[in-house]
Amino acid sequence: MVKSLASPYAAGRRGRAWQKVKPVHTLDLVVLGVEWGSGRRRGWLSNLHLGARDPDGGPPVMVGKTFKGLTDELLRWQTEALQKIATEQNDWVVMVRPELVIEIELDGVQVSPRYPGGVALRFARVLRYRPDKDPSEATTIEEVRALLPAAQPNQG
């Protein structure tokens, strides 16, 4: 937290004089699938399923999802591009061959039983697709797990 030196302390209050400063990380992840959008994004493939590279050569390991940061232009492009590499689909999700790398910005990761990688991305947003990168150059699951906060000592 950063605050103006001229700002008085007020318990439980945060105003314009107080700003939360968050870390920013970027990862190059592999697109594993995508969900059809709803509302304004209906008809477009929107919510991306993201995976980190398995350094042992296995399939990418899912670590989260995001639909943040996608422009209308990018939504149109990915709807067309991802349908061309679809492996299976239903009314909600299109699974794709793990061929596309995407750069994701995030605040960090947290432990999560929801995803096979055991971690979940925090506040993930799309920066850009990386046509210059092959999935073999994507961020590894170990590199993602290295972003986990250090264990906090028991304060009891």
C-alpha atoms as a PDB file:
ATOM      1  CA  MET A   1       0.000   0.000   0.000  1.00  0.00           C
ATOM      2  CA  VAL A   2       1.275   3.436  -0.908  1.00  0.00           C
ATOM      3  CA  LYS A   3      -0.220   6.628   0.471  1.00  0.00           C
ATOM      4  CA  SER A   4       0.337  10.320   0.295  1.00  0.00           C
ATOM      5  CA  LEU A   5       2.423  11.577   3.230  1.00  0.00           C
ATOM      6  CA  ALA A   6      -0.073  14.428   3.601  1.00  0.00           C
ATOM      7  CA  SER A   7      -2.995  12.011   3.971  1.00  0.00           C
ATOM      8  CA  PRO A   8      -4.206  11.395   7.532  1.00  0.00           C
ATOM      9  CA  TYR A   9      -4.744   7.805   8.677  1.00  0.00           C
ATOM     10  CA  ALA A  10      -8.376   6.765   8.870  1.00  0.00           C
ATOM     11  CA  ALA A  11      -9.055   3.255  10.163  1.00  0.00           C
ATOM     12  CA  GLY A  12     -10.656   1.053   7.521  1.00  0.00           C
ATOM     13  CA  ARG A  13     -10.763   3.889   5.007  1.00  0.00           C
ATOM     14  CA  ARG A  14      -8.976   4.011   1.695  1.00  0.00           C
ATOM     15  CA  GLY A  15      -9.406   7.015  -0.521  1.00  0.00           C
ATOM     16  CA  ARG A  16      -7.600   8.574  -3.455  1.00  0.00           C
ATOM     17  CA  ALA A  17      -4.553   9.169  -1.270  1.00  0.00           C
ATOM     18  CA  TRP A  18      -4.079   5.392  -0.789  1.00  0.00           C
ATOM     19  CA  GLN A  19      -3.080   3.124  -3.679  1.00  0.00           C
ATOM     20  CA  LYS A  20      -2.614  -0.621  -3.592  1.00  0.00           C
ATOM     21  CA  VAL A  21       0.544  -1.633  -5.457  1.00  0.00           C
ATOM     22  CA  LYS A  22       0.445  -5.123  -6.927  1.00  0.00           C
ATOM     23  CA  PRO A  23       3.227  -7.126  -8.526  1.00  0.00           C
ATOM     24  CA  VAL A  24       3.020  -7.737 -12.259  1.00  0.00           C
ATOM     25  CA  HIS A  25       4.250 -10.943 -13.881  1.00  0.00           C
ATOM     26  CA  THR A  26       3.989 -12.227 -17.432  1.00  0.00           C
ATOM     27  CA  LEU A  27       3.817 -15.837 -18.553  1.00  0.00           C
ATOM     28  CA  ASP A  28       3.751 -17.432 -21.991  1.00  0.00           C
ATOM     29  CA  LEU A  29       1.063 -20.099 -21.711  1.00  0.00           C
ATOM     30  CA  VAL A  30      -0.516 -22.554 -24.130  1.00  0.00           C
ATOM     31  CA  VAL A  31      -4.186 -22.268 -25.123  1.00  0.00           C
ATOM     32  CA  LEU A  32      -5.887 -25.600 -24.297  1.00  0.00           C
ATOM     33  CA  GLY A  33      -9.503 -24.687 -24.905  1.00  0.00           C
ATOM     34  CA  VAL A  34     -11.977 -21.843 -24.892  1.00  0.00           C
ATOM     35  CA  GLU A  35     -15.557 -21.264 -23.816  1.00  0.00           C
ATOM     36  CA  TRP A  36     -18.266 -19.577 -25.830  1.00  0.00           C
ATOM     37  CA  GLY A  37     -19.009 -16.108 -24.512  1.00  0.00           C
ATOM     38  CA  SER A  38     -22.266 -14.852 -23.096  1.00  0.00           C
ATOM     39  CA  GLY A  39     -23.922 -11.463 -23.033  1.00  0.00           C
ATOM     40  CA  ARG A  40     -22.020  -9.002 -25.223  1.00  0.00           C
ATOM     41  CA  ARG A  41     -19.581 -11.780 -26.173  1.00  0.00           C
ATOM     42  CA  ARG A  42     -22.253 -14.219 -27.296  1.00  0.00           C
ATOM     43  CA  GLY A  43     -21.188 -15.887 -30.548  1.00  0.00           C
ATOM     44  CA  TRP A  44     -17.475 -15.377 -29.843  1.00  0.00           C
ATOM     45  CA  LEU A  45     -14.993 -17.750 -28.240  1.00  0.00           C
ATOM     46  CA  SER A  46     -14.011 -15.862 -25.121  1.00  0.00           C
ATOM     47  CA  ASN A  47     -12.890 -17.568 -21.878  1.00  0.00           C
ATOM     48  CA  LEU A  48      -9.468 -19.148 -22.541  1.00  0.00           C
ATOM     49  CA  HIS A  49      -8.235 -22.313 -20.795  1.00  0.00           C
ATOM     50  CA  LEU A  50      -4.509 -21.893 -20.167  1.00  0.00           C
ATOM     51  CA  GLY A  51      -1.746 -24.434 -19.636  1.00  0.00           C
ATOM     52  CA  ALA A  52       1.898 -24.397 -18.620  1.00  0.00           C
ATOM     53  CA  ARG A  53       4.476 -26.611 -20.304  1.00  0.00           C
ATOM     54  CA  ASP A  54       5.323 -29.955 -18.728  1.00  0.00           C
ATOM     55  CA  PRO A  55       9.151 -30.037 -18.796  1.00  0.00           C
ATOM     56  CA  ASP A  56       9.014 -33.848 -18.916  1.00  0.00           C
ATOM     57  CA  GLY A  57       7.351 -33.714 -22.326  1.00  0.00           C
ATOM     58  CA  GLY A  58       3.778 -34.473 -21.274  1.00  0.00           C
ATOM     59  CA  PRO A  59       0.791 -32.399 -22.351  1.00  0.00           C
ATOM     60  CA  PRO A  60       0.507 -28.832 -21.012  1.00  0.00           C
ATOM     61  CA  VAL A  61      -0.843 -28.613 -17.452  1.00  0.00           C
ATOM     62  CA  MET A  62      -3.928 -26.443 -16.953  1.00  0.00           C
ATOM     63  CA  VAL A  63      -3.350 -23.551 -14.542  1.00  0.00           C
ATOM     64  CA  GLY A  64      -6.327 -21.282 -15.100  1.00  0.00           C
ATOM     65  CA  LYS A  65      -8.694 -19.374 -17.332  1.00  0.00           C
ATOM     66  CA  THR A  66      -9.152 -15.777 -18.416  1.00  0.00           C
ATOM     67  CA  PHE A  67     -11.306 -13.638 -20.675  1.00  0.00           C
ATOM     68  CA  LYS A  68      -9.856 -10.302 -19.560  1.00  0.00           C
ATOM     69  CA  GLY A  69      -7.890  -8.075 -21.930  1.00  0.00           C
ATOM     70  CA  LEU A  70      -9.514  -9.325 -25.135  1.00  0.00           C
ATOM     71  CA  THR A  71     -10.417  -6.641 -27.670  1.00  0.00           C
ATOM     72  CA  ASP A  72     -13.241  -7.138 -30.163  1.00  0.00           C
ATOM     73  CA  GLU A  73     -10.632  -7.574 -32.892  1.00  0.00           C
ATOM     74  CA  LEU A  74      -8.835 -10.283 -30.906  1.00  0.00           C
ATOM     75  CA  LEU A  75     -12.145 -12.006 -30.088  1.00  0.00           C
ATOM     76  CA  ARG A  76     -13.012 -12.163 -33.798  1.00  0.00           C
ATOM     77  CA  TRP A  77      -9.557 -13.504 -34.687  1.00  0.00           C
ATOM     78  CA  GLN A  78      -9.447 -16.137 -31.955  1.00  0.00           C
ATOM     79  CA  THR A  79     -13.001 -17.329 -32.673  1.00  0.00           C
ATOM     80  CA  GLU A  80     -11.950 -18.133 -36.226  1.00  0.00           C
ATOM     81  CA  ALA A  81      -8.434 -19.411 -35.430  1.00  0.00           C
ATOM     82  CA  LEU A  82      -9.387 -21.648 -32.502  1.00  0.00           C
ATOM     83  CA  GLN A  83     -12.240 -23.340 -34.367  1.00  0.00           C
ATOM     84  CA  LYS A  84      -9.707 -24.377 -37.028  1.00  0.00           C
ATOM     85  CA  ILE A  85      -7.633 -26.302 -34.451  1.00  0.00           C
ATOM     86  CA  ALA A  86     -10.566 -27.719 -32.460  1.00  0.00           C
ATOM     87  CA  THR A  87     -10.264 -31.326 -31.293  1.00  0.00           C
ATOM     88  CA  GLU A  88     -13.634 -31.602 -29.569  1.00  0.00           C
ATOM     89  CA  GLN A  89     -16.483 -29.291 -28.735  1.00  0.00           C
ATOM     90  CA  ASN A  90     -19.885 -29.086 -27.160  1.00  0.00           C
ATOM     91  CA  ASP A  91     -22.387 -26.266 -26.617  1.00  0.00           C
ATOM     92  CA  TRP A  92     -20.119 -24.569 -24.070  1.00  0.00           C
ATOM     93  CA  VAL A  93     -16.434 -25.456 -24.628  1.00  0.00           C
ATOM     94  CA  VAL A  94     -14.117 -25.926 -27.610  1.00  0.00           C
ATOM     95  CA  MET A  95     -10.964 -27.919 -26.830  1.00  0.00           C
ATOM     96  CA  VAL A  96      -8.045 -27.190 -29.166  1.00  0.00           C
ATOM     97  CA  ARG A  97      -4.702 -28.670 -30.166  1.00  0.00           C
ATOM     98  CA  PRO A  98      -2.095 -27.073 -27.865  1.00  0.00           C
ATOM     99  CA  GLU A  99      -0.416 -25.090 -30.659  1.00  0.00           C
ATOM    100  CA  LEU A 100      -0.901 -21.433 -29.731  1.00  0.00           C
ATOM    101  CA  VAL A 101       1.109 -19.533 -27.128  1.00  0.00           C
ATOM    102  CA  ILE A 102      -0.388 -16.477 -25.477  1.00  0.00           C
ATOM    103  CA  GLU A 103       1.258 -13.915 -23.219  1.00  0.00           C
ATOM    104  CA  ILE A 104      -0.646 -13.435 -19.980  1.00  0.00           C
ATOM    105  CA  GLU A 105      -0.137 -10.709 -17.394  1.00  0.00           C
ATOM    106  CA  LEU A 106      -1.074 -11.575 -13.807  1.00  0.00           C
ATOM    107  CA  ASP A 107      -0.632 -10.429 -10.232  1.00  0.00           C
ATOM    108  CA  GLY A 108       0.546 -13.829  -9.022  1.00  0.00           C
ATOM    109  CA  VAL A 109      -0.593 -17.381  -8.401  1.00  0.00           C
ATOM    110  CA  GLN A 110      -2.199 -19.193  -5.503  1.00  0.00           C
ATOM    111  CA  VAL A 111      -2.522 -22.819  -4.472  1.00  0.00           C
ATOM    112  CA  SER A 112      -5.670 -24.336  -5.961  1.00  0.00           C
ATOM    113  CA  PRO A 113      -7.112 -27.857  -6.130  1.00  0.00           C
ATOM    114  CA  ARG A 114      -9.316 -26.743  -9.046  1.00  0.00           C
ATOM    115  CA  TYR A 115      -6.651 -27.111 -11.733  1.00  0.00           C
ATOM    116  CA  PRO A 116      -4.348 -30.074 -12.434  1.00  0.00           C
ATOM    117  CA  GLY A 117      -1.269 -27.858 -11.965  1.00  0.00           C
ATOM    118  CA  GLY A 118      -2.231 -27.264  -8.308  1.00  0.00           C
ATOM    119  CA  VAL A 119      -2.102 -23.500  -8.821  1.00  0.00           C
ATOM    120  CA  ALA A 120      -4.453 -20.848 -10.140  1.00  0.00           C
ATOM    121  CA  LEU A 121      -3.622 -17.568 -11.848  1.00  0.00           C
ATOM    122  CA  ARG A 122      -4.602 -14.383  -9.981  1.00  0.00           C
ATOM    123  CA  PHE A 123      -6.116 -11.541 -12.013  1.00  0.00           C
ATOM    124  CA  ALA A 124      -4.895 -12.943 -15.332  1.00  0.00           C
ATOM    125  CA  ARG A 125      -5.354 -10.866 -18.475  1.00  0.00           C
ATOM    126  CA  VAL A 126      -4.374 -11.363 -22.104  1.00  0.00           C
ATOM    127  CA  LEU A 127      -1.574  -9.206 -23.467  1.00  0.00           C
ATOM    128  CA  ARG A 128      -1.119 -10.812 -26.893  1.00  0.00           C
ATOM    129  CA  TYR A 129      -0.763 -14.018 -28.837  1.00  0.00           C
ATOM    130  CA  ARG A 130       2.842 -15.072 -29.459  1.00  0.00           C
ATOM    131  CA  PRO A 131       3.135 -16.415 -33.043  1.00  0.00           C
ATOM    132  CA  ASP A 132       6.920 -16.146 -32.576  1.00  0.00           C
ATOM    133  CA  LYS A 133       6.844 -18.839 -29.869  1.00  0.00           C
ATOM    134  CA  ASP A 134       6.320 -22.566 -30.110  1.00  0.00           C
ATOM    135  CA  PRO A 135       4.564 -24.409 -27.244  1.00  0.00           C
ATOM    136  CA  SER A 136       7.944 -26.005 -26.453  1.00  0.00           C
ATOM    137  CA  GLU A 137       9.066 -22.487 -25.423  1.00  0.00           C
ATOM    138  CA  ALA A 138       6.110 -21.812 -23.111  1.00  0.00           C
ATOM    139  CA  THR A 139       6.505 -21.200 -19.388  1.00  0.00           C
ATOM    140  CA  THR A 140       6.917 -24.455 -17.439  1.00  0.00           C
ATOM    141  CA  ILE A 141       4.674 -25.550 -14.588  1.00  0.00           C
ATOM    142  CA  GLU A 142       7.686 -25.223 -12.243  1.00  0.00           C
ATOM    143  CA  GLU A 143       8.164 -21.603 -13.310  1.00  0.00           C
ATOM    144  CA  VAL A 144       4.478 -20.932 -12.608  1.00  0.00           C
ATOM    145  CA  ARG A 145       4.677 -22.625  -9.185  1.00  0.00           C
ATOM    146  CA  ALA A 146       7.778 -20.554  -8.373  1.00  0.00           C
ATOM    147  CA  LEU A 147       5.444 -17.518  -8.244  1.00  0.00           C
ATOM    148  CA  LEU A 148       3.620 -18.954  -5.221  1.00  0.00           C
ATOM    149  CA  PRO A 149       4.108 -16.745  -2.179  1.00  0.00           C
ATOM    150  CA  ALA A 150       6.566 -18.083   0.405  1.00  0.00           C
ATOM    151  CA  ALA A 151       4.931 -20.041   3.204  1.00  0.00           C
ATOM    152  CA  GLN A 152       3.676 -17.737   5.927  1.00  0.00           C
ATOM    153  CA  PRO A 153       4.727 -18.603   9.485  1.00  0.00           C
ATOM    154  CA  ASN A 154       1.921 -19.686  11.804  1.00  0.00           C
ATOM    155  CA  GLN A 155       0.835 -16.579  13.670  1.00  0.00           C
ATOM    156  CA  GLY A 156      -1.176 -18.359  16.360  1.00  0.00           C
END
